[in-house]
Amino acid sequence: MASFNSAKEYLKTHTSKGLRAAVRKAAQEWQLARLHRASLKKVGPFMLRSENKLNLGCGPNSKEGWINVDVYDLRADFQLDLRETWPFPDASISHVYSEHVFEHFEFRGEVPHFLSEARRVLKSGGLFDVGVPDTEWPLHAYGDSTDPYWPFSKTVHPDWCETQLDHINYHFRQEAEHKYAWDYETLAGILRRFGFTNVARREFDPALDTESRKIGTLYIRAINP
């Protein structure tokens, strides 16, 4: 224990904050890789079912009868890193669903991978459902203190958000967890560019979506042709 404490003290006094942060990030990525590799070994039996639907980044909101995936939540069926190749055969999935997950992927590299994998695993005619924080609302609300966005934001943002711009920044960044902000035009456009058809905004569906996310979420449904 003494040697461990000595090592920690050495790192603290002989390395930079940036380097220590990079080491912590590398350790986290190593753990994610271990969880991903372990889950790859368990996929086979699930694919024997007559129909498979993916609930990606499910967190605590798992769905009965679906394949629930979340690399951070051990309650999910699989802890898969969706930045890697998805371990599902081509045209083997009837429905891909994600809610408040897509905004956590980097636009230039990770989003194209996510959409390409979704199209690969979806059957022809399969559904792609995505829900993200709706960025149109806070941007339209900025500068208008009477807009209902501001009392709503105080119920979902941390207490340190005081000004309107604090809330805007948190919406976009969420402590560096959010990688991109989406509105209908931008999200629908990229879905079409990746070959999805019948792309359209849809209403909240209580049979599919999480009640606590009903307000402030942009839901879009598309079809894999």
C-alpha atoms as a PDB file:
ATOM      1  CA  MET A   1       0.000   0.000   0.000  1.00  0.00           C
ATOM      2  CA  ALA A   2       2.852   2.329   0.833  1.00  0.00           C
ATOM      3  CA  SER A   3       4.477   1.717  -2.538  1.00  0.00           C
ATOM      4  CA  PHE A   4       1.153   2.396  -4.292  1.00  0.00           C
ATOM      5  CA  ASN A   5       0.766   5.685  -2.446  1.00  0.00           C
ATOM      6  CA  SER A   6       4.369   6.543  -3.258  1.00  0.00           C
ATOM      7  CA  ALA A   7       3.711   5.871  -6.943  1.00  0.00           C
ATOM      8  CA  LYS A   8       0.630   8.095  -6.873  1.00  0.00           C
ATOM      9  CA  GLU A   9       2.580  10.868  -5.200  1.00  0.00           C
ATOM     10  CA  TYR A  10       5.400  10.523  -7.735  1.00  0.00           C
ATOM     11  CA  LEU A  11       2.967  10.785 -10.644  1.00  0.00           C
ATOM     12  CA  LYS A  12       1.300  13.777  -9.039  1.00  0.00           C
ATOM     13  CA  THR A  13       4.549  15.675  -8.579  1.00  0.00           C
ATOM     14  CA  HIS A  14       6.412  14.586 -11.733  1.00  0.00           C
ATOM     15  CA  THR A  15       3.725  14.625 -14.431  1.00  0.00           C
ATOM     16  CA  SER A  16       1.339  17.214 -15.840  1.00  0.00           C
ATOM     17  CA  LYS A  17      -2.406  17.339 -15.291  1.00  0.00           C
ATOM     18  CA  GLY A  18      -2.868  16.732 -18.998  1.00  0.00           C
ATOM     19  CA  LEU A  19      -0.745  13.590 -18.919  1.00  0.00           C
ATOM     20  CA  ARG A  20      -2.553  12.235 -15.871  1.00  0.00           C
ATOM     21  CA  ALA A  21      -5.886  12.872 -17.579  1.00  0.00           C
ATOM     22  CA  ALA A  22      -4.642  11.035 -20.674  1.00  0.00           C
ATOM     23  CA  VAL A  23      -3.573   8.067 -18.531  1.00  0.00           C
ATOM     24  CA  ARG A  24      -7.004   7.946 -16.884  1.00  0.00           C
ATOM     25  CA  LYS A  25      -8.635   8.081 -20.314  1.00  0.00           C
ATOM     26  CA  ALA A  26      -6.411   5.255 -21.576  1.00  0.00           C
ATOM     27  CA  ALA A  27      -7.324   3.148 -18.541  1.00  0.00           C
ATOM     28  CA  GLN A  28     -11.014   3.755 -19.213  1.00  0.00           C
ATOM     29  CA  GLU A  29     -10.611   2.781 -22.869  1.00  0.00           C
ATOM     30  CA  TRP A  30      -8.784  -0.396 -21.803  1.00  0.00           C
ATOM     31  CA  GLN A  31     -11.701  -1.337 -19.551  1.00  0.00           C
ATOM     32  CA  LEU A  32     -14.200  -0.666 -22.345  1.00  0.00           C
ATOM     33  CA  ALA A  33     -12.177  -2.877 -24.680  1.00  0.00           C
ATOM     34  CA  ARG A  34     -12.211  -5.701 -22.116  1.00  0.00           C
ATOM     35  CA  LEU A  35     -15.983  -5.462 -21.699  1.00  0.00           C
ATOM     36  CA  HIS A  36     -16.467  -5.364 -25.475  1.00  0.00           C
ATOM     37  CA  ARG A  37     -14.319  -8.458 -26.051  1.00  0.00           C
ATOM     38  CA  ALA A  38     -16.150 -10.380 -23.330  1.00  0.00           C
ATOM     39  CA  SER A  39     -19.536  -9.520 -24.832  1.00  0.00           C
ATOM     40  CA  LEU A  40     -18.501 -10.665 -28.301  1.00  0.00           C
ATOM     41  CA  LYS A  41     -18.432 -14.233 -26.972  1.00  0.00           C
ATOM     42  CA  LYS A  42     -22.096 -14.078 -25.900  1.00  0.00           C
ATOM     43  CA  VAL A  43     -23.771 -12.828 -29.067  1.00  0.00           C
ATOM     44  CA  GLY A  44     -24.317 -16.156 -30.868  1.00  0.00           C
ATOM     45  CA  PRO A  45     -27.312 -17.532 -28.915  1.00  0.00           C
ATOM     46  CA  PHE A  46     -29.253 -14.295 -29.305  1.00  0.00           C
ATOM     47  CA  MET A  47     -29.063 -14.547 -33.077  1.00  0.00           C
ATOM     48  CA  LEU A  48     -30.983 -17.854 -33.027  1.00  0.00           C
ATOM     49  CA  ARG A  49     -34.214 -16.022 -32.222  1.00  0.00           C
ATOM     50  CA  SER A  50     -36.746 -15.463 -34.990  1.00  0.00           C
ATOM     51  CA  GLU A  51     -36.581 -11.672 -34.659  1.00  0.00           C
ATOM     52  CA  ASN A  52     -33.933  -9.427 -33.195  1.00  0.00           C
ATOM     53  CA  LYS A  53     -34.226  -5.750 -32.327  1.00  0.00           C
ATOM     54  CA  LEU A  54     -31.398  -3.593 -30.979  1.00  0.00           C
ATOM     55  CA  ASN A  55     -31.793  -1.116 -28.123  1.00  0.00           C
ATOM     56  CA  LEU A  56     -28.493   0.769 -28.262  1.00  0.00           C
ATOM     57  CA  GLY A  57     -27.074   2.697 -25.322  1.00  0.00           C
ATOM     58  CA  CYS A  58     -30.021   1.543 -23.241  1.00  0.00           C
ATOM     59  CA  GLY A  59     -28.686   2.482 -19.793  1.00  0.00           C
ATOM     60  CA  PRO A  60     -31.367   1.547 -17.248  1.00  0.00           C
ATOM     61  CA  ASN A  61     -34.092   1.659 -19.931  1.00  0.00           C
ATOM     62  CA  SER A  62     -33.887  -1.893 -21.212  1.00  0.00           C
ATOM     63  CA  LYS A  63     -36.651  -3.330 -23.376  1.00  0.00           C
ATOM     64  CA  GLU A  64     -38.096  -6.801 -22.946  1.00  0.00           C
ATOM     65  CA  GLY A  65     -37.574  -8.964 -26.014  1.00  0.00           C
ATOM     66  CA  TRP A  66     -34.872  -6.659 -27.413  1.00  0.00           C
ATOM     67  CA  ILE A  67     -31.080  -6.989 -27.442  1.00  0.00           C
ATOM     68  CA  ASN A  68     -30.106  -4.311 -24.926  1.00  0.00           C
ATOM     69  CA  VAL A  69     -26.638  -2.830 -25.448  1.00  0.00           C
ATOM     70  CA  ASP A  70     -24.737  -0.422 -23.217  1.00  0.00           C
ATOM     71  CA  VAL A  71     -20.988  -0.491 -22.696  1.00  0.00           C
ATOM     72  CA  TYR A  72     -21.305   1.346 -19.369  1.00  0.00           C
ATOM     73  CA  ASP A  73     -24.230  -0.585 -17.859  1.00  0.00           C
ATOM     74  CA  LEU A  74     -23.648  -4.141 -16.638  1.00  0.00           C
ATOM     75  CA  ARG A  75     -27.413  -4.753 -16.561  1.00  0.00           C
ATOM     76  CA  ALA A  76     -27.525  -4.664 -20.374  1.00  0.00           C
ATOM     77  CA  ASP A  77     -27.357  -7.894 -22.369  1.00  0.00           C
ATOM     78  CA  PHE A  78     -24.073  -6.772 -23.920  1.00  0.00           C
ATOM     79  CA  GLN A  79     -21.415  -4.216 -23.057  1.00  0.00           C
ATOM     80  CA  LEU A  80     -20.503  -3.426 -26.655  1.00  0.00           C
ATOM     81  CA  ASP A  81     -18.435  -0.468 -27.803  1.00  0.00           C
ATOM     82  CA  LEU A  82     -20.487   0.823 -30.729  1.00  0.00           C
ATOM     83  CA  ARG A  83     -17.411   2.553 -32.145  1.00  0.00           C
ATOM     84  CA  GLU A  84     -16.225  -0.933 -33.106  1.00  0.00           C
ATOM     85  CA  THR A  85     -17.718  -3.286 -35.702  1.00  0.00           C
ATOM     86  CA  TRP A  86     -21.072  -4.506 -34.426  1.00  0.00           C
ATOM     87  CA  PRO A  87     -21.065  -8.297 -33.928  1.00  0.00           C
ATOM     88  CA  PHE A  88     -24.332  -8.939 -35.748  1.00  0.00           C
ATOM     89  CA  PRO A  89     -24.671 -10.501 -39.216  1.00  0.00           C
ATOM     90  CA  ASP A  90     -25.752  -8.513 -42.236  1.00  0.00           C
ATOM     91  CA  ALA A  91     -29.530  -8.060 -42.556  1.00  0.00           C
ATOM     92  CA  SER A  92     -30.209  -9.774 -39.219  1.00  0.00           C
ATOM     93  CA  ILE A  93     -31.972  -7.000 -37.292  1.00  0.00           C
ATOM     94  CA  SER A  94     -35.522  -5.719 -37.788  1.00  0.00           C
ATOM     95  CA  HIS A  95     -35.331  -2.563 -35.655  1.00  0.00           C
ATOM     96  CA  VAL A  96     -32.460  -0.364 -34.425  1.00  0.00           C
ATOM     97  CA  TYR A  97     -33.397   2.041 -31.634  1.00  0.00           C
ATOM     98  CA  SER A  98     -31.383   4.600 -29.689  1.00  0.00           C
ATOM     99  CA  GLU A  99     -32.536   7.365 -27.352  1.00  0.00           C
ATOM    100  CA  HIS A 100     -30.189  10.113 -26.131  1.00  0.00           C
ATOM    101  CA  VAL A 101     -27.179   8.159 -27.400  1.00  0.00           C
ATOM    102  CA  PHE A 102     -26.453   9.410 -30.908  1.00  0.00           C
ATOM    103  CA  GLU A 103     -25.272  12.813 -29.653  1.00  0.00           C
ATOM    104  CA  HIS A 104     -22.427  11.063 -27.806  1.00  0.00           C
ATOM    105  CA  PHE A 105     -20.696  10.120 -31.075  1.00  0.00           C
ATOM    106  CA  GLU A 106     -18.147  12.335 -32.819  1.00  0.00           C
ATOM    107  CA  PHE A 107     -19.565  13.722 -36.053  1.00  0.00           C
ATOM    108  CA  ARG A 108     -16.733  13.194 -38.527  1.00  0.00           C
ATOM    109  CA  GLY A 109     -15.703   9.642 -37.718  1.00  0.00           C
ATOM    110  CA  GLU A 110     -18.013   7.891 -35.275  1.00  0.00           C
ATOM    111  CA  VAL A 111     -21.381   8.968 -36.701  1.00  0.00           C
ATOM    112  CA  PRO A 112     -20.594   7.580 -40.191  1.00  0.00           C
ATOM    113  CA  HIS A 113     -19.499   4.306 -38.597  1.00  0.00           C
ATOM    114  CA  PHE A 114     -22.687   4.112 -36.492  1.00  0.00           C
ATOM    115  CA  LEU A 115     -24.956   4.714 -39.487  1.00  0.00           C
ATOM    116  CA  SER A 116     -23.029   2.369 -41.763  1.00  0.00           C
ATOM    117  CA  GLU A 117     -23.248  -0.434 -39.209  1.00  0.00           C
ATOM    118  CA  ALA A 118     -26.942   0.233 -38.634  1.00  0.00           C
ATOM    119  CA  ARG A 119     -27.650  -0.055 -42.349  1.00  0.00           C
ATOM    120  CA  ARG A 120     -25.517  -3.188 -42.617  1.00  0.00           C
ATOM    121  CA  VAL A 121     -27.269  -5.125 -39.842  1.00  0.00           C
ATOM    122  CA  LEU A 122     -30.806  -3.953 -40.647  1.00  0.00           C
ATOM    123  CA  LYS A 123     -33.015  -6.079 -42.833  1.00  0.00           C
ATOM    124  CA  SER A 124     -34.565  -4.529 -45.912  1.00  0.00           C
ATOM    125  CA  GLY A 125     -37.537  -2.571 -44.631  1.00  0.00           C
ATOM    126  CA  GLY A 126     -36.105  -2.500 -41.113  1.00  0.00           C
ATOM    127  CA  LEU A 127     -36.761   0.488 -38.869  1.00  0.00           C
ATOM    128  CA  PHE A 128     -34.177   2.956 -37.589  1.00  0.00           C
ATOM    129  CA  ASP A 129     -35.445   5.000 -34.644  1.00  0.00           C
ATOM    130  CA  VAL A 130     -33.333   7.721 -33.066  1.00  0.00           C
ATOM    131  CA  GLY A 131     -34.061  10.235 -30.320  1.00  0.00           C
ATOM    132  CA  VAL A 132     -31.688  13.105 -29.503  1.00  0.00           C
ATOM    133  CA  PRO A 133     -31.878  16.338 -27.485  1.00  0.00           C
ATOM    134  CA  ASP A 134     -33.687  18.803 -29.747  1.00  0.00           C
ATOM    135  CA  THR A 135     -31.300  21.710 -30.334  1.00  0.00           C
ATOM    136  CA  GLU A 136     -33.830  23.896 -32.140  1.00  0.00           C
ATOM    137  CA  TRP A 137     -35.672  24.622 -28.912  1.00  0.00           C
ATOM    138  CA  PRO A 138     -32.823  26.118 -26.831  1.00  0.00           C
ATOM    139  CA  LEU A 139     -31.486  28.088 -29.789  1.00  0.00           C
ATOM    140  CA  HIS A 140     -34.888  29.621 -30.489  1.00  0.00           C
ATOM    141  CA  ALA A 141     -35.314  30.305 -26.763  1.00  0.00           C
ATOM    142  CA  TYR A 142     -32.002  32.122 -26.344  1.00  0.00           C
ATOM    143  CA  GLY A 143     -32.632  35.762 -25.469  1.00  0.00           C
ATOM    144  CA  ASP A 144     -36.258  35.185 -24.510  1.00  0.00           C
ATOM    145  CA  SER A 145     -36.521  34.803 -20.746  1.00  0.00           C
ATOM    146  CA  THR A 146     -40.228  33.899 -21.031  1.00  0.00           C
ATOM    147  CA  ASP A 147     -39.637  30.810 -23.161  1.00  0.00           C
ATOM    148  CA  PRO A 148     -40.617  27.570 -21.352  1.00  0.00           C
ATOM    149  CA  TYR A 149     -37.245  26.070 -22.227  1.00  0.00           C
ATOM    150  CA  TRP A 150     -35.580  27.836 -19.300  1.00  0.00           C
ATOM    151  CA  PRO A 151     -37.688  26.374 -16.468  1.00  0.00           C
ATOM    152  CA  PHE A 152     -37.467  22.998 -18.211  1.00  0.00           C
ATOM    153  CA  SER A 153     -33.673  23.202 -18.492  1.00  0.00           C
ATOM    154  CA  LYS A 154     -33.375  23.777 -14.747  1.00  0.00           C
ATOM    155  CA  THR A 155     -35.005  20.390 -14.147  1.00  0.00           C
ATOM    156  CA  VAL A 156     -32.483  18.474 -16.290  1.00  0.00           C
ATOM    157  CA  HIS A 157     -29.276  20.525 -16.037  1.00  0.00           C
ATOM    158  CA  PRO A 158     -26.951  20.774 -13.002  1.00  0.00           C
ATOM    159  CA  ASP A 159     -27.210  23.607 -10.496  1.00  0.00           C
ATOM    160  CA  TRP A 160     -24.066  25.354 -11.761  1.00  0.00           C
ATOM    161  CA  CYS A 161     -25.976  26.337 -14.919  1.00  0.00           C
ATOM    162  CA  GLU A 162     -27.158  29.843 -14.081  1.00  0.00           C
ATOM    163  CA  THR A 163     -27.252  31.934 -17.260  1.00  0.00           C
ATOM    164  CA  GLN A 164     -28.957  31.118 -20.530  1.00  0.00           C
ATOM    165  CA  LEU A 165     -25.570  30.527 -22.116  1.00  0.00           C
ATOM    166  CA  ASP A 166     -24.628  28.133 -19.297  1.00  0.00           C
ATOM    167  CA  HIS A 167     -27.662  26.054 -20.244  1.00  0.00           C
ATOM    168  CA  ILE A 168     -26.874  26.293 -23.968  1.00  0.00           C
ATOM    169  CA  ASN A 169     -23.331  25.120 -23.331  1.00  0.00           C
ATOM    170  CA  TYR A 170     -24.509  22.215 -21.194  1.00  0.00           C
ATOM    171  CA  HIS A 171     -26.983  21.179 -23.885  1.00  0.00           C
ATOM    172  CA  PHE A 172     -24.189  21.114 -26.455  1.00  0.00           C
ATOM    173  CA  ARG A 173     -21.432  19.627 -24.299  1.00  0.00           C
ATOM    174  CA  GLN A 174     -22.816  17.899 -21.191  1.00  0.00           C
ATOM    175  CA  GLU A 175     -19.461  17.972 -19.421  1.00  0.00           C
ATOM    176  CA  ALA A 176     -17.701  16.937 -22.698  1.00  0.00           C
ATOM    177  CA  GLU A 177     -19.956  13.876 -23.084  1.00  0.00           C
ATOM    178  CA  HIS A 178     -21.942  15.323 -25.972  1.00  0.00           C
ATOM    179  CA  LYS A 179     -20.015  15.367 -29.252  1.00  0.00           C
ATOM    180  CA  TYR A 180     -22.589  16.957 -31.573  1.00  0.00           C
ATOM    181  CA  ALA A 181     -25.893  18.831 -31.325  1.00  0.00           C
ATOM    182  CA  TRP A 182     -28.721  17.875 -33.666  1.00  0.00           C
ATOM    183  CA  ASP A 183     -31.771  19.525 -35.131  1.00  0.00           C
ATOM    184  CA  TYR A 184     -34.270  17.967 -37.541  1.00  0.00           C
ATOM    185  CA  GLU A 185     -32.697  19.348 -40.710  1.00  0.00           C
ATOM    186  CA  THR A 186     -29.198  18.144 -39.835  1.00  0.00           C
ATOM    187  CA  LEU A 187     -30.158  14.705 -38.543  1.00  0.00           C
ATOM    188  CA  ALA A 188     -32.642  13.977 -41.306  1.00  0.00           C
ATOM    189  CA  GLY A 189     -30.095  15.121 -43.868  1.00  0.00           C
ATOM    190  CA  ILE A 190     -27.357  12.770 -42.727  1.00  0.00           C
ATOM    191  CA  LEU A 191     -29.762   9.831 -42.510  1.00  0.00           C
ATOM    192  CA  ARG A 192     -30.742  10.421 -46.128  1.00  0.00           C
ATOM    193  CA  ARG A 193     -27.096  10.739 -47.177  1.00  0.00           C
ATOM    194  CA  PHE A 194     -26.438   7.316 -45.707  1.00  0.00           C
ATOM    195  CA  GLY A 195     -29.251   5.802 -47.723  1.00  0.00           C
ATOM    196  CA  PHE A 196     -32.164   5.704 -45.291  1.00  0.00           C
ATOM    197  CA  THR A 197     -35.576   6.445 -46.770  1.00  0.00           C
ATOM    198  CA  ASN A 198     -38.948   7.687 -45.469  1.00  0.00           C
ATOM    199  CA  VAL A 199     -37.079   9.870 -42.979  1.00  0.00           C
ATOM    200  CA  ALA A 200     -39.565  11.765 -40.826  1.00  0.00           C
ATOM    201  CA  ARG A 201     -40.003  13.326 -37.427  1.00  0.00           C
ATOM    202  CA  ARG A 202     -42.348  11.317 -35.238  1.00  0.00           C
ATOM    203  CA  GLU A 203     -44.242  11.943 -32.029  1.00  0.00           C
ATOM    204  CA  PHE A 204     -43.271  10.520 -28.659  1.00  0.00           C
ATOM    205  CA  ASP A 205     -44.389   6.878 -28.457  1.00  0.00           C
ATOM    206  CA  PRO A 206     -45.123   5.741 -24.873  1.00  0.00           C
ATOM    207  CA  ALA A 207     -44.811   2.113 -25.949  1.00  0.00           C
ATOM    208  CA  LEU A 208     -41.283   2.704 -27.209  1.00  0.00           C
ATOM    209  CA  ASP A 209     -39.783   5.837 -25.671  1.00  0.00           C
ATOM    210  CA  THR A 210     -38.838   6.840 -22.124  1.00  0.00           C
ATOM    211  CA  GLU A 211     -41.442   9.015 -20.377  1.00  0.00           C
ATOM    212  CA  SER A 212     -38.828  11.222 -18.688  1.00  0.00           C
ATOM    213  CA  ARG A 213     -37.467  12.157 -22.124  1.00  0.00           C
ATOM    214  CA  LYS A 214     -40.801  13.057 -23.685  1.00  0.00           C
ATOM    215  CA  ILE A 215     -40.110  16.784 -23.390  1.00  0.00           C
ATOM    216  CA  GLY A 216     -37.121  18.156 -25.276  1.00  0.00           C
ATOM    217  CA  THR A 217     -36.391  15.139 -27.459  1.00  0.00           C
ATOM    218  CA  LEU A 218     -36.355  15.068 -31.250  1.00  0.00           C
ATOM    219  CA  TYR A 219     -37.516  11.657 -32.470  1.00  0.00           C
ATOM    220  CA  ILE A 220     -36.930  10.566 -36.074  1.00  0.00           C
ATOM    221  CA  ARG A 221     -37.857   7.313 -37.780  1.00  0.00           C
ATOM    222  CA  ALA A 222     -36.341   6.078 -41.030  1.00  0.00           C
ATOM    223  CA  ILE A 223     -36.427   2.884 -43.085  1.00  0.00           C
ATOM    224  CA  ASN A 224     -33.579   0.785 -44.436  1.00  0.00           C
ATOM    225  CA  PRO A 225     -34.582   0.255 -48.087  1.00  0.00           C
END
